Amino acid sequence: MCVSLRFIRLSTNLEYIGVAAFRDCELIEAVFLPPTIISIGYEAFYQCKSLRFIKMPDAMDHIGFDVFQKCDLLSSTVRNNRDDNDLPMHKVCYSTSVNPQMINEYIDTHGIERGTEVNDQQTTALHILCVNPHVTGDAIRAYLQLAAEAAEQQDSVGMTPFQYLCRNYITFFDERNFSSMAAWWYGCMP
């Protein structure tokens, strides 16, 4: 049991998640499954009580029994990829290859109003972006330049995007250039 595991970044070549692979990992908050995943075994995420975000691949062939049983914070709408269909900016931010160009193209095509909508958990696309382990600082900056007000939006458990970003593994943050993560974040906003 991985009691301290919060975010999972899996290999882009992975095809299968085994039976009970992350069972009882109560602190896992976000899982971004690569598009190569075709099968998830029985109870793979059973009782992951903190799991709020998961991106399921489109080509999934098999999902085992009780994979998300007792994942109380994970809404059924996220599990069924409702965000992909009803909130397409969320889909952009779930992408493992999200970049500033994708964000800007979406906003240019659909407008900022569609880019700042929230799901039934009050989650903005910026929340999704900030838990995405593949995110870059440039992608976050691009979003904040278009919709800085989303930075203060609290989701259904009272978390802001910045709070998720601080808990995520930050690969782009360089402490030599900023006194703190907060200084970087607020420096990104217009």
N, C-alpha and C. Protein backbone atom coordinates (compact mmCIF):
# COMPACT_ATOMS: atom_id res chain seq x y z
N MET A 1 0.84 -1.17 0.00
CA MET A 1 0.00 0.00 0.00
C MET A 1 0.89 1.24 0.00
N CYS A 2 0.63 2.18 -0.90
CA CYS A 2 1.40 3.42 -1.02
C CYS A 2 0.65 4.52 -0.27
N VAL A 3 0.90 4.68 1.02
CA VAL A 3 0.09 5.57 1.84
C VAL A 3 0.32 7.05 1.56
N SER A 4 1.45 7.43 0.97
CA SER A 4 1.75 8.84 0.72
C SER A 4 1.55 9.25 -0.73
N LEU A 5 1.19 8.35 -1.60
CA LEU A 5 1.06 8.63 -3.02
C LEU A 5 -0.13 9.55 -3.28
N ARG A 6 0.11 10.70 -3.95
CA ARG A 6 -0.95 11.67 -4.24
C ARG A 6 -1.28 11.75 -5.72
N PHE A 7 -0.27 11.80 -6.57
CA PHE A 7 -0.46 11.94 -8.01
C PHE A 7 0.29 10.82 -8.71
N ILE A 8 -0.26 10.35 -9.82
CA ILE A 8 0.35 9.25 -10.55
C ILE A 8 0.68 9.72 -11.96
N ARG A 9 1.91 9.53 -12.36
CA ARG A 9 2.32 9.79 -13.74
C ARG A 9 2.84 8.46 -14.29
N LEU A 10 2.07 7.88 -15.17
CA LEU A 10 2.38 6.54 -15.68
C LEU A 10 3.10 6.62 -17.02
N SER A 11 3.82 5.57 -17.33
CA SER A 11 4.54 5.48 -18.60
C SER A 11 3.57 5.61 -19.78
N THR A 12 4.00 6.31 -20.80
CA THR A 12 3.15 6.48 -21.98
C THR A 12 3.04 5.21 -22.81
N ASN A 13 3.77 4.17 -22.43
CA ASN A 13 3.69 2.88 -23.14
C ASN A 13 2.85 1.85 -22.40
N LEU A 14 2.38 2.19 -21.21
CA LEU A 14 1.64 1.26 -20.38
C LEU A 14 0.31 0.88 -21.03
N GLU A 15 -0.02 -0.42 -21.01
CA GLU A 15 -1.26 -0.90 -21.61
C GLU A 15 -2.25 -1.45 -20.59
N TYR A 16 -1.77 -1.86 -19.41
CA TYR A 16 -2.62 -2.55 -18.47
C TYR A 16 -2.32 -2.10 -17.04
N ILE A 17 -3.35 -1.88 -16.27
CA ILE A 17 -3.20 -1.63 -14.83
C ILE A 17 -3.78 -2.86 -14.14
N GLY A 18 -2.98 -3.48 -13.32
CA GLY A 18 -3.34 -4.76 -12.72
C GLY A 18 -4.38 -4.70 -11.63
N VAL A 19 -4.84 -5.87 -11.25
CA VAL A 19 -5.85 -6.05 -10.21
C VAL A 19 -5.34 -5.41 -8.91
N ALA A 20 -6.16 -4.54 -8.32
CA ALA A 20 -5.88 -3.88 -7.04
C ALA A 20 -4.56 -3.11 -7.02
N ALA A 21 -4.10 -2.65 -8.16
CA ALA A 21 -2.80 -1.98 -8.27
C ALA A 21 -2.65 -0.80 -7.32
N PHE A 22 -3.67 0.00 -7.18
CA PHE A 22 -3.62 1.18 -6.31
C PHE A 22 -4.68 1.11 -5.21
N ARG A 23 -5.14 -0.07 -4.92
CA ARG A 23 -6.18 -0.27 -3.91
C ARG A 23 -5.73 0.31 -2.57
N ASP A 24 -6.65 1.03 -1.92
CA ASP A 24 -6.44 1.62 -0.59
C ASP A 24 -5.35 2.70 -0.56
N CYS A 25 -4.98 3.25 -1.69
CA CYS A 25 -4.06 4.40 -1.72
C CYS A 25 -4.92 5.64 -1.47
N GLU A 26 -5.20 5.90 -0.23
CA GLU A 26 -6.21 6.87 0.16
C GLU A 26 -5.86 8.32 -0.15
N LEU A 27 -4.61 8.65 -0.45
CA LEU A 27 -4.24 10.04 -0.72
C LEU A 27 -4.17 10.38 -2.20
N ILE A 28 -4.30 9.39 -3.08
CA ILE A 28 -4.25 9.68 -4.52
C ILE A 28 -5.37 10.65 -4.87
N GLU A 29 -4.99 11.77 -5.52
CA GLU A 29 -5.96 12.78 -5.92
C GLU A 29 -6.23 12.79 -7.42
N ALA A 30 -5.21 12.45 -8.20
CA ALA A 30 -5.37 12.56 -9.65
C ALA A 30 -4.63 11.43 -10.36
N VAL A 31 -5.25 10.93 -11.43
CA VAL A 31 -4.66 9.89 -12.26
C VAL A 31 -4.87 10.29 -13.71
N PHE A 32 -3.79 10.39 -14.45
CA PHE A 32 -3.86 10.69 -15.87
C PHE A 32 -3.35 9.46 -16.61
N LEU A 33 -4.30 8.66 -17.07
CA LEU A 33 -3.95 7.42 -17.76
C LEU A 33 -3.52 7.74 -19.18
N PRO A 34 -2.40 7.18 -19.63
CA PRO A 34 -1.98 7.43 -21.01
C PRO A 34 -2.96 6.80 -22.00
N PRO A 35 -3.01 7.30 -23.21
CA PRO A 35 -3.96 6.78 -24.20
C PRO A 35 -3.70 5.33 -24.59
N THR A 36 -2.56 4.78 -24.19
CA THR A 36 -2.22 3.39 -24.53
C THR A 36 -2.90 2.37 -23.62
N ILE A 37 -3.47 2.82 -22.49
CA ILE A 37 -4.13 1.90 -21.55
C ILE A 37 -5.38 1.32 -22.22
N ILE A 38 -5.45 -0.01 -22.24
CA ILE A 38 -6.62 -0.66 -22.83
C ILE A 38 -7.40 -1.47 -21.80
N SER A 39 -6.79 -1.70 -20.62
CA SER A 39 -7.46 -2.54 -19.63
C SER A 39 -7.07 -2.12 -18.21
N ILE A 40 -8.08 -2.10 -17.33
CA ILE A 40 -7.85 -1.83 -15.91
C ILE A 40 -8.43 -2.99 -15.13
N GLY A 41 -7.62 -3.59 -14.29
CA GLY A 41 -8.03 -4.77 -13.54
C GLY A 41 -8.96 -4.48 -12.38
N TYR A 42 -9.58 -5.52 -11.90
CA TYR A 42 -10.51 -5.53 -10.77
C TYR A 42 -9.96 -4.73 -9.59
N GLU A 43 -10.77 -3.82 -9.05
CA GLU A 43 -10.46 -3.02 -7.86
C GLU A 43 -9.15 -2.23 -7.96
N ALA A 44 -8.73 -1.85 -9.14
CA ALA A 44 -7.46 -1.15 -9.32
C ALA A 44 -7.35 0.12 -8.48
N PHE A 45 -8.46 0.85 -8.35
CA PHE A 45 -8.46 2.10 -7.56
C PHE A 45 -9.45 2.02 -6.40
N TYR A 46 -9.76 0.84 -5.97
CA TYR A 46 -10.73 0.62 -4.89
C TYR A 46 -10.32 1.39 -3.64
N GLN A 47 -11.25 2.10 -3.08
CA GLN A 47 -11.10 2.85 -1.84
C GLN A 47 -9.97 3.89 -1.91
N CYS A 48 -9.81 4.52 -3.05
CA CYS A 48 -8.92 5.68 -3.17
C CYS A 48 -9.79 6.89 -2.80
N LYS A 49 -9.91 7.13 -1.53
CA LYS A 49 -10.90 8.06 -0.98
C LYS A 49 -10.69 9.51 -1.40
N SER A 50 -9.49 9.88 -1.79
CA SER A 50 -9.20 11.27 -2.18
C SER A 50 -9.22 11.47 -3.69
N LEU A 51 -9.43 10.41 -4.45
CA LEU A 51 -9.38 10.50 -5.91
C LEU A 51 -10.50 11.41 -6.42
N ARG A 52 -10.11 12.50 -7.08
CA ARG A 52 -11.06 13.48 -7.60
C ARG A 52 -11.00 13.60 -9.11
N PHE A 53 -9.84 13.34 -9.70
CA PHE A 53 -9.64 13.55 -11.12
C PHE A 53 -9.09 12.28 -11.76
N ILE A 54 -9.72 11.85 -12.84
CA ILE A 54 -9.17 10.75 -13.61
C ILE A 54 -9.54 10.95 -15.06
N LYS A 55 -8.60 10.74 -15.92
CA LYS A 55 -8.82 10.82 -17.36
C LYS A 55 -8.71 9.42 -17.92
N MET A 56 -9.83 8.93 -18.43
CA MET A 56 -9.87 7.58 -19.00
C MET A 56 -9.57 7.66 -20.49
N PRO A 57 -8.72 6.78 -21.01
CA PRO A 57 -8.43 6.77 -22.44
C PRO A 57 -9.67 6.42 -23.27
N ASP A 58 -9.74 6.95 -24.46
CA ASP A 58 -10.87 6.70 -25.34
C ASP A 58 -10.93 5.24 -25.82
N ALA A 59 -9.78 4.59 -25.96
CA ALA A 59 -9.73 3.24 -26.54
C ALA A 59 -9.79 2.14 -25.48
N MET A 60 -10.32 2.43 -24.32
CA MET A 60 -10.38 1.44 -23.23
C MET A 60 -11.24 0.25 -23.66
N ASP A 61 -10.67 -0.96 -23.58
CA ASP A 61 -11.40 -2.18 -23.93
C ASP A 61 -12.08 -2.83 -22.74
N HIS A 62 -11.42 -2.77 -21.57
CA HIS A 62 -11.92 -3.51 -20.41
C HIS A 62 -11.68 -2.73 -19.13
N ILE A 63 -12.73 -2.60 -18.34
CA ILE A 63 -12.62 -2.05 -16.99
C ILE A 63 -13.17 -3.09 -16.04
N GLY A 64 -12.36 -3.54 -15.11
CA GLY A 64 -12.75 -4.58 -14.18
C GLY A 64 -13.83 -4.14 -13.20
N PHE A 65 -14.32 -5.10 -12.48
CA PHE A 65 -15.38 -4.89 -11.49
C PHE A 65 -14.86 -4.06 -10.32
N ASP A 66 -15.66 -3.12 -9.83
CA ASP A 66 -15.36 -2.30 -8.65
C ASP A 66 -14.06 -1.50 -8.74
N VAL A 67 -13.68 -1.10 -9.94
CA VAL A 67 -12.44 -0.34 -10.11
C VAL A 67 -12.47 0.94 -9.29
N PHE A 68 -13.61 1.63 -9.26
CA PHE A 68 -13.71 2.91 -8.54
C PHE A 68 -14.64 2.83 -7.33
N GLN A 69 -14.87 1.63 -6.82
CA GLN A 69 -15.73 1.48 -5.65
C GLN A 69 -15.11 2.20 -4.46
N LYS A 70 -15.92 2.92 -3.71
CA LYS A 70 -15.53 3.68 -2.52
C LYS A 70 -14.56 4.81 -2.83
N CYS A 71 -14.63 5.33 -4.05
CA CYS A 71 -13.91 6.55 -4.42
C CYS A 71 -14.94 7.68 -4.32
N ASP A 72 -15.24 8.08 -3.10
CA ASP A 72 -16.38 8.95 -2.83
C ASP A 72 -16.28 10.34 -3.44
N LEU A 73 -15.07 10.87 -3.64
CA LEU A 73 -14.93 12.22 -4.20
C LEU A 73 -14.93 12.23 -5.72
N LEU A 74 -14.79 11.06 -6.32
CA LEU A 74 -14.80 10.97 -7.78
C LEU A 74 -16.23 10.92 -8.25
N SER A 75 -16.65 11.95 -8.98
CA SER A 75 -18.04 11.98 -9.43
C SER A 75 -18.23 11.03 -10.59
N SER A 76 -19.44 10.53 -10.74
CA SER A 76 -19.73 9.63 -11.85
C SER A 76 -19.58 10.35 -13.18
N THR A 77 -19.76 11.68 -13.19
CA THR A 77 -19.62 12.41 -14.45
C THR A 77 -18.18 12.40 -14.93
N VAL A 78 -17.22 12.50 -14.01
CA VAL A 78 -15.82 12.43 -14.41
C VAL A 78 -15.48 11.02 -14.89
N ARG A 79 -15.97 10.01 -14.16
CA ARG A 79 -15.70 8.63 -14.54
C ARG A 79 -16.21 8.32 -15.94
N ASN A 80 -17.33 8.90 -16.31
CA ASN A 80 -17.90 8.63 -17.62
C ASN A 80 -17.49 9.64 -18.67
N ASN A 81 -16.46 10.43 -18.37
CA ASN A 81 -15.92 11.41 -19.30
C ASN A 81 -16.94 12.44 -19.76
N ARG A 82 -17.89 12.77 -18.90
CA ARG A 82 -18.85 13.82 -19.23
C ARG A 82 -18.10 15.12 -19.55
N ASP A 83 -17.04 15.39 -18.80
CA ASP A 83 -16.28 16.62 -19.03
C ASP A 83 -15.79 16.72 -20.47
N ASP A 84 -15.42 15.60 -21.06
CA ASP A 84 -14.94 15.61 -22.44
C ASP A 84 -16.02 16.09 -23.40
N ASN A 85 -17.26 15.72 -23.15
CA ASN A 85 -18.33 16.05 -24.07
C ASN A 85 -18.98 17.39 -23.77
N ASP A 86 -19.28 17.65 -22.51
CA ASP A 86 -19.99 18.86 -22.14
C ASP A 86 -19.07 20.04 -21.84
N LEU A 87 -17.86 19.79 -21.43
CA LEU A 87 -16.90 20.83 -21.10
C LEU A 87 -15.60 20.57 -21.84
N PRO A 88 -15.55 20.87 -23.12
CA PRO A 88 -14.38 20.49 -23.91
C PRO A 88 -13.07 21.13 -23.48
N MET A 89 -13.08 22.28 -22.82
CA MET A 89 -11.83 22.86 -22.33
C MET A 89 -11.22 21.97 -21.25
N HIS A 90 -12.07 21.29 -20.48
CA HIS A 90 -11.57 20.33 -19.51
C HIS A 90 -10.78 19.23 -20.25
N LYS A 91 -11.30 18.80 -21.39
CA LYS A 91 -10.63 17.76 -22.18
C LYS A 91 -9.25 18.24 -22.63
N VAL A 92 -9.17 19.49 -23.06
CA VAL A 92 -7.87 20.05 -23.46
C VAL A 92 -6.90 19.98 -22.29
N CYS A 93 -7.36 20.36 -21.11
CA CYS A 93 -6.49 20.41 -19.93
C CYS A 93 -6.14 19.02 -19.38
N TYR A 94 -6.95 18.01 -19.69
CA TYR A 94 -6.63 16.63 -19.32
C TYR A 94 -5.55 16.04 -20.22
N SER A 95 -5.32 16.62 -21.36
CA SER A 95 -4.38 16.06 -22.34
C SER A 95 -2.97 15.95 -21.77
N THR A 96 -2.32 14.82 -22.03
CA THR A 96 -0.94 14.66 -21.58
C THR A 96 0.02 15.50 -22.42
N SER A 97 -0.47 16.09 -23.50
CA SER A 97 0.38 16.95 -24.33
C SER A 97 -0.12 18.39 -24.35
N VAL A 98 -0.86 18.80 -23.31
CA VAL A 98 -1.42 20.15 -23.27
C VAL A 98 -0.30 21.19 -23.38
N ASN A 99 -0.58 22.24 -24.15
CA ASN A 99 0.40 23.30 -24.34
C ASN A 99 -0.33 24.63 -24.57
N PRO A 100 0.39 25.75 -24.52
CA PRO A 100 -0.27 27.05 -24.70
C PRO A 100 -1.03 27.18 -26.01
N GLN A 101 -0.50 26.62 -27.08
CA GLN A 101 -1.17 26.71 -28.38
C GLN A 101 -2.54 26.03 -28.34
N MET A 102 -2.64 24.87 -27.71
CA MET A 102 -3.92 24.17 -27.61
C MET A 102 -4.94 25.02 -26.83
N ILE A 103 -4.49 25.63 -25.75
CA ILE A 103 -5.37 26.47 -24.94
C ILE A 103 -5.84 27.67 -25.74
N ASN A 104 -4.91 28.36 -26.38
CA ASN A 104 -5.27 29.54 -27.16
C ASN A 104 -6.18 29.20 -28.34
N GLU A 105 -5.92 28.09 -29.01
CA GLU A 105 -6.78 27.68 -30.13
C GLU A 105 -8.19 27.37 -29.66
N TYR A 106 -8.31 26.71 -28.52
CA TYR A 106 -9.64 26.42 -27.99
C TYR A 106 -10.40 27.72 -27.71
N ILE A 107 -9.76 28.64 -27.03
CA ILE A 107 -10.40 29.91 -26.67
C ILE A 107 -10.75 30.71 -27.93
N ASP A 108 -9.85 30.72 -28.91
CA ASP A 108 -10.13 31.44 -30.17
C ASP A 108 -11.35 30.86 -30.88
N THR A 109 -11.51 29.54 -30.82
CA THR A 109 -12.61 28.87 -31.50
C THR A 109 -13.92 28.95 -30.73
N HIS A 110 -13.86 28.73 -29.42
CA HIS A 110 -15.07 28.57 -28.62
C HIS A 110 -15.40 29.74 -27.70
N GLY A 111 -14.44 30.62 -27.46
CA GLY A 111 -14.66 31.76 -26.58
C GLY A 111 -14.28 31.47 -25.14
N ILE A 112 -13.97 32.52 -24.42
CA ILE A 112 -13.52 32.38 -23.04
C ILE A 112 -14.62 31.85 -22.13
N GLU A 113 -15.89 32.14 -22.45
CA GLU A 113 -16.99 31.66 -21.61
C GLU A 113 -16.98 30.14 -21.53
N ARG A 114 -16.78 29.46 -22.66
CA ARG A 114 -16.73 27.99 -22.67
C ARG A 114 -15.46 27.49 -21.99
N GLY A 115 -14.43 28.29 -21.98
CA GLY A 115 -13.17 27.89 -21.37
C GLY A 115 -13.14 28.01 -19.87
N THR A 116 -14.13 28.71 -19.29
CA THR A 116 -14.13 28.91 -17.84
C THR A 116 -15.32 28.25 -17.15
N GLU A 117 -16.06 27.42 -17.86
CA GLU A 117 -17.20 26.72 -17.26
C GLU A 117 -16.72 25.73 -16.20
N VAL A 118 -17.61 25.41 -15.27
CA VAL A 118 -17.28 24.46 -14.20
C VAL A 118 -18.17 23.23 -14.32
N ASN A 119 -17.66 22.10 -13.82
CA ASN A 119 -18.48 20.88 -13.80
C ASN A 119 -19.29 20.83 -12.51
N ASP A 120 -19.94 19.72 -12.25
CA ASP A 120 -20.81 19.63 -11.08
C ASP A 120 -20.04 19.61 -9.76
N GLN A 121 -18.72 19.51 -9.80
CA GLN A 121 -17.89 19.60 -8.60
C GLN A 121 -17.25 20.98 -8.47
N GLN A 122 -17.73 21.93 -9.28
CA GLN A 122 -17.19 23.29 -9.31
C GLN A 122 -15.73 23.33 -9.74
N THR A 123 -15.33 22.36 -10.53
CA THR A 123 -13.97 22.26 -11.02
C THR A 123 -13.85 23.00 -12.35
N THR A 124 -12.90 23.92 -12.42
CA THR A 124 -12.63 24.62 -13.67
C THR A 124 -11.59 23.83 -14.47
N ALA A 125 -11.40 24.23 -15.71
CA ALA A 125 -10.34 23.64 -16.52
C ALA A 125 -8.98 23.92 -15.89
N LEU A 126 -8.85 25.06 -15.21
CA LEU A 126 -7.58 25.38 -14.55
C LEU A 126 -7.28 24.40 -13.41
N HIS A 127 -8.30 23.95 -12.69
CA HIS A 127 -8.08 22.90 -11.68
C HIS A 127 -7.47 21.66 -12.34
N ILE A 128 -8.07 21.26 -13.48
CA ILE A 128 -7.59 20.08 -14.19
C ILE A 128 -6.14 20.29 -14.64
N LEU A 129 -5.87 21.46 -15.17
CA LEU A 129 -4.52 21.78 -15.64
C LEU A 129 -3.51 21.67 -14.50
N CYS A 130 -3.89 22.11 -13.32
CA CYS A 130 -2.96 22.14 -12.18
C CYS A 130 -2.74 20.78 -11.53
N VAL A 131 -3.57 19.78 -11.82
CA VAL A 131 -3.29 18.43 -11.32
C VAL A 131 -2.68 17.55 -12.40
N ASN A 132 -2.62 18.05 -13.62
CA ASN A 132 -2.06 17.30 -14.73
C ASN A 132 -0.54 17.20 -14.54
N PRO A 133 0.00 16.00 -14.35
CA PRO A 133 1.43 15.88 -14.12
C PRO A 133 2.28 16.20 -15.34
N HIS A 134 1.65 16.38 -16.49
CA HIS A 134 2.37 16.68 -17.72
C HIS A 134 2.35 18.18 -18.05
N VAL A 135 1.75 18.98 -17.19
CA VAL A 135 1.58 20.40 -17.46
C VAL A 135 2.92 21.13 -17.48
N THR A 136 2.95 22.20 -18.24
CA THR A 136 4.13 23.08 -18.25
C THR A 136 3.72 24.43 -17.67
N GLY A 137 4.69 25.17 -17.21
CA GLY A 137 4.42 26.50 -16.71
C GLY A 137 3.83 27.39 -17.79
N ASP A 138 4.27 27.20 -19.04
CA ASP A 138 3.76 28.02 -20.14
C ASP A 138 2.27 27.76 -20.38
N ALA A 139 1.82 26.53 -20.21
CA ALA A 139 0.40 26.23 -20.40
C ALA A 139 -0.44 26.91 -19.31
N ILE A 140 0.05 26.88 -18.08
CA ILE A 140 -0.68 27.55 -17.00
C ILE A 140 -0.70 29.05 -17.24
N ARG A 141 0.43 29.61 -17.64
CA ARG A 141 0.49 31.05 -17.94
C ARG A 141 -0.51 31.42 -19.03
N ALA A 142 -0.60 30.60 -20.07
CA ALA A 142 -1.52 30.88 -21.18
C ALA A 142 -2.95 30.93 -20.68
N TYR A 143 -3.33 29.98 -19.85
CA TYR A 143 -4.69 29.97 -19.32
C TYR A 143 -4.94 31.19 -18.44
N LEU A 144 -4.00 31.48 -17.55
CA LEU A 144 -4.18 32.62 -16.65
C LEU A 144 -4.24 33.95 -17.39
N GLN A 145 -3.53 34.05 -18.50
CA GLN A 145 -3.59 35.29 -19.29
C GLN A 145 -4.99 35.51 -19.86
N LEU A 146 -5.71 34.44 -20.10
CA LEU A 146 -7.05 34.52 -20.68
C LEU A 146 -8.15 34.58 -19.62
N ALA A 147 -7.93 33.94 -18.48
CA ALA A 147 -8.99 33.83 -17.47
C ALA A 147 -8.40 33.83 -16.07
N ALA A 148 -7.80 34.92 -15.67
CA ALA A 148 -7.15 35.01 -14.36
C ALA A 148 -8.12 34.76 -13.21
N GLU A 149 -9.40 35.10 -13.40
CA GLU A 149 -10.38 34.93 -12.32
C GLU A 149 -10.56 33.46 -11.93
N ALA A 150 -10.23 32.54 -12.81
CA ALA A 150 -10.35 31.11 -12.50
C ALA A 150 -9.38 30.70 -11.39
N ALA A 151 -8.34 31.49 -11.17
CA ALA A 151 -7.34 31.16 -10.15
C ALA A 151 -7.93 31.14 -8.75
N GLU A 152 -8.99 31.90 -8.53
CA GLU A 152 -9.60 31.99 -7.20
C GLU A 152 -10.80 31.07 -7.02
N GLN A 153 -11.20 30.37 -8.08
CA GLN A 153 -12.37 29.49 -8.01
C GLN A 153 -12.08 28.29 -7.10
N GLN A 154 -12.92 28.09 -6.12
CA GLN A 154 -12.80 26.92 -5.26
C GLN A 154 -13.70 25.82 -5.79
N ASP A 155 -13.20 24.59 -5.74
CA ASP A 155 -14.02 23.46 -6.15
C ASP A 155 -14.91 23.01 -4.99
N SER A 156 -15.58 21.90 -5.12
CA SER A 156 -16.55 21.46 -4.12
C SER A 156 -15.93 21.08 -2.78
N VAL A 157 -14.61 20.89 -2.73
CA VAL A 157 -13.96 20.63 -1.44
C VAL A 157 -13.14 21.83 -0.98
N GLY A 158 -13.36 22.99 -1.62
CA GLY A 158 -12.73 24.23 -1.19
C GLY A 158 -11.31 24.45 -1.65
N MET A 159 -10.87 23.71 -2.66
CA MET A 159 -9.50 23.85 -3.16
C MET A 159 -9.46 24.76 -4.38
N THR A 160 -8.45 25.63 -4.43
CA THR A 160 -8.22 26.46 -5.61
C THR A 160 -7.23 25.74 -6.52
N PRO A 161 -7.15 26.14 -7.78
CA PRO A 161 -6.16 25.52 -8.67
C PRO A 161 -4.74 25.63 -8.12
N PHE A 162 -4.39 26.77 -7.54
CA PHE A 162 -3.06 26.96 -6.97
C PHE A 162 -2.76 25.93 -5.89
N GLN A 163 -3.74 25.64 -5.06
CA GLN A 163 -3.53 24.65 -4.00
C GLN A 163 -3.23 23.27 -4.59
N TYR A 164 -3.92 22.91 -5.68
CA TYR A 164 -3.60 21.63 -6.33
C TYR A 164 -2.21 21.67 -6.96
N LEU A 165 -1.88 22.78 -7.59
CA LEU A 165 -0.56 22.90 -8.22
C LEU A 165 0.55 22.73 -7.19
N CYS A 166 0.37 23.33 -6.02
CA CYS A 166 1.39 23.23 -4.97
C CYS A 166 1.56 21.79 -4.48
N ARG A 167 0.51 20.98 -4.57
CA ARG A 167 0.58 19.59 -4.12
C ARG A 167 1.06 18.65 -5.22
N ASN A 168 1.01 19.11 -6.45
CA ASN A 168 1.43 18.32 -7.60
C ASN A 168 2.97 18.33 -7.66
N TYR A 169 3.54 17.37 -8.36
CA TYR A 169 4.97 17.36 -8.57
C TYR A 169 5.27 18.38 -9.66
N ILE A 170 5.98 19.44 -9.30
CA ILE A 170 6.21 20.55 -10.21
C ILE A 170 7.55 20.35 -10.92
N THR A 171 7.50 20.06 -12.19
CA THR A 171 8.74 19.83 -12.93
C THR A 171 9.26 21.12 -13.56
N PHE A 172 8.41 22.12 -13.70
CA PHE A 172 8.83 23.34 -14.40
C PHE A 172 9.20 24.47 -13.46
N PHE A 173 8.89 24.34 -12.18
CA PHE A 173 9.15 25.42 -11.24
C PHE A 173 10.61 25.47 -10.88
N ASP A 174 11.22 26.63 -11.05
CA ASP A 174 12.64 26.81 -10.77
C ASP A 174 12.78 27.79 -9.61
N GLU A 175 13.13 27.28 -8.44
CA GLU A 175 13.23 28.11 -7.24
C GLU A 175 14.30 29.20 -7.36
N ARG A 176 15.25 29.02 -8.27
CA ARG A 176 16.30 30.03 -8.40
C ARG A 176 15.74 31.35 -8.92
N ASN A 177 14.63 31.30 -9.65
CA ASN A 177 14.07 32.49 -10.25
C ASN A 177 12.92 33.09 -9.45
N PHE A 178 12.37 32.36 -8.49
CA PHE A 178 11.22 32.83 -7.73
C PHE A 178 11.41 32.51 -6.26
N SER A 179 10.96 33.40 -5.40
CA SER A 179 11.11 33.18 -3.96
C SER A 179 10.18 32.09 -3.45
N SER A 180 9.08 31.86 -4.17
CA SER A 180 8.13 30.83 -3.75
C SER A 180 7.25 30.44 -4.93
N MET A 181 6.52 29.34 -4.76
CA MET A 181 5.56 28.95 -5.78
C MET A 181 4.50 30.04 -5.93
N ALA A 182 4.08 30.64 -4.82
CA ALA A 182 3.07 31.70 -4.88
C ALA A 182 3.57 32.89 -5.70
N ALA A 183 4.84 33.24 -5.56
CA ALA A 183 5.40 34.35 -6.34
C ALA A 183 5.36 34.02 -7.84
N TRP A 184 5.67 32.76 -8.18
CA TRP A 184 5.59 32.36 -9.58
C TRP A 184 4.15 32.47 -10.08
N TRP A 185 3.22 31.88 -9.32
CA TRP A 185 1.81 31.86 -9.70
C TRP A 185 1.28 33.28 -9.95
N TYR A 186 1.46 34.13 -8.97
CA TYR A 186 0.90 35.49 -9.09
C TYR A 186 1.65 36.32 -10.13
N GLY A 187 2.87 35.94 -10.42
CA GLY A 187 3.62 36.60 -11.50
C GLY A 187 3.08 36.22 -12.88
N CYS A 188 2.37 35.10 -12.97
CA CYS A 188 1.81 34.64 -14.25
C CYS A 188 0.52 35.39 -14.62
N MET A 189 -0.17 35.88 -13.60
CA MET A 189 -1.47 36.52 -13.87
C MET A 189 -1.27 37.94 -14.37
N PRO A 190 -2.19 38.40 -15.24
CA PRO A 190 -2.06 39.76 -15.79
C PRO A 190 -2.28 40.82 -14.72
